[in-house]
Amino acid sequence: MSRLRRKLGDPPLISTTSGVGYRIADTPTA
């Protein structure tokens, strides 16, 4: 995950969620 986070530059709009993985905070949880 750290690799993907570093690739994205660890933007504030992307949060790490256990189970789902990477989900855009801007997107509503479906």
N, C-alpha and C. Protein backbone atom coordinates (compact mmCIF):
# COMPACT_ATOMS: atom_id res chain seq x y z
N MET A 1 0.84 -1.20 0.00
CA MET A 1 0.00 0.00 0.00
C MET A 1 0.87 1.25 0.00
N SER A 2 1.96 1.18 0.73
CA SER A 2 2.86 2.33 0.81
C SER A 2 3.37 2.68 -0.59
N ARG A 3 3.54 1.64 -1.42
CA ARG A 3 4.02 1.90 -2.77
C ARG A 3 2.99 2.68 -3.56
N LEU A 4 1.73 2.28 -3.43
CA LEU A 4 0.66 2.95 -4.17
C LEU A 4 0.47 4.37 -3.64
N ARG A 5 0.60 4.49 -2.31
CA ARG A 5 0.42 5.82 -1.72
C ARG A 5 1.52 6.76 -2.18
N ARG A 6 2.73 6.23 -2.28
CA ARG A 6 3.85 7.07 -2.73
C ARG A 6 3.67 7.44 -4.19
N LYS A 7 3.10 6.51 -4.96
CA LYS A 7 2.87 6.76 -6.38
C LYS A 7 1.85 7.88 -6.57
N LEU A 8 0.84 7.89 -5.70
CA LEU A 8 -0.20 8.91 -5.79
C LEU A 8 0.26 10.21 -5.16
N GLY A 9 1.34 10.14 -4.39
CA GLY A 9 1.84 11.34 -3.75
C GLY A 9 1.11 11.59 -2.44
N ASP A 10 0.35 10.58 -1.98
CA ASP A 10 -0.38 10.69 -0.72
C ASP A 10 -1.26 11.92 -0.68
N PRO A 11 -2.18 12.05 -1.64
CA PRO A 11 -3.09 13.20 -1.68
C PRO A 11 -4.09 13.13 -0.54
N PRO A 12 -4.56 14.28 -0.07
CA PRO A 12 -5.49 14.36 1.06
C PRO A 12 -6.87 13.84 0.70
N LEU A 13 -7.20 13.78 -0.58
CA LEU A 13 -8.54 13.35 -0.97
C LEU A 13 -8.64 11.84 -1.02
N ILE A 14 -7.48 11.16 -0.95
CA ILE A 14 -7.52 9.70 -0.96
C ILE A 14 -7.19 9.17 0.43
N SER A 15 -8.06 8.34 0.96
CA SER A 15 -7.85 7.80 2.29
C SER A 15 -7.75 6.28 2.22
N THR A 16 -6.95 5.72 3.13
CA THR A 16 -6.80 4.27 3.14
C THR A 16 -7.87 3.63 4.00
N THR A 17 -8.61 2.71 3.41
CA THR A 17 -9.67 2.05 4.16
C THR A 17 -9.40 0.56 4.21
N SER A 18 -9.40 0.01 5.40
CA SER A 18 -9.13 -1.42 5.55
C SER A 18 -10.29 -2.23 4.99
N GLY A 19 -9.99 -3.08 4.03
CA GLY A 19 -11.04 -3.90 3.41
C GLY A 19 -11.27 -3.44 1.98
N VAL A 20 -11.65 -2.20 1.83
CA VAL A 20 -11.89 -1.67 0.49
C VAL A 20 -10.57 -1.33 -0.17
N GLY A 21 -9.62 -0.87 0.62
CA GLY A 21 -8.31 -0.50 0.08
C GLY A 21 -8.24 1.00 -0.12
N TYR A 22 -8.13 1.41 -1.37
CA TYR A 22 -8.05 2.84 -1.64
C TYR A 22 -9.39 3.34 -2.18
N ARG A 23 -9.91 4.35 -1.52
CA ARG A 23 -11.19 4.89 -1.97
C ARG A 23 -11.14 6.41 -1.93
N ILE A 24 -11.64 7.07 -2.93
CA ILE A 24 -11.63 8.54 -2.96
C ILE A 24 -12.64 9.07 -1.94
N ALA A 25 -12.16 9.91 -1.05
CA ALA A 25 -13.01 10.45 0.01
C ALA A 25 -14.16 11.26 -0.60
N ASP A 26 -13.93 11.77 -1.80
CA ASP A 26 -14.96 12.57 -2.47
C ASP A 26 -16.13 11.69 -2.91
N THR A 27 -15.83 10.41 -3.13
CA THR A 27 -16.88 9.50 -3.57
C THR A 27 -17.67 8.98 -2.38
N PRO A 28 -18.98 8.99 -2.46
CA PRO A 28 -19.84 8.50 -1.37
C PRO A 28 -19.70 6.99 -1.21
N THR A 29 -19.79 6.52 0.01
CA THR A 29 -19.64 5.09 0.27
C THR A 29 -20.87 4.34 -0.23
N ALA A 30 -20.64 3.46 -1.19
CA ALA A 30 -21.78 2.73 -1.73
C ALA A 30 -21.74 1.31 -1.19
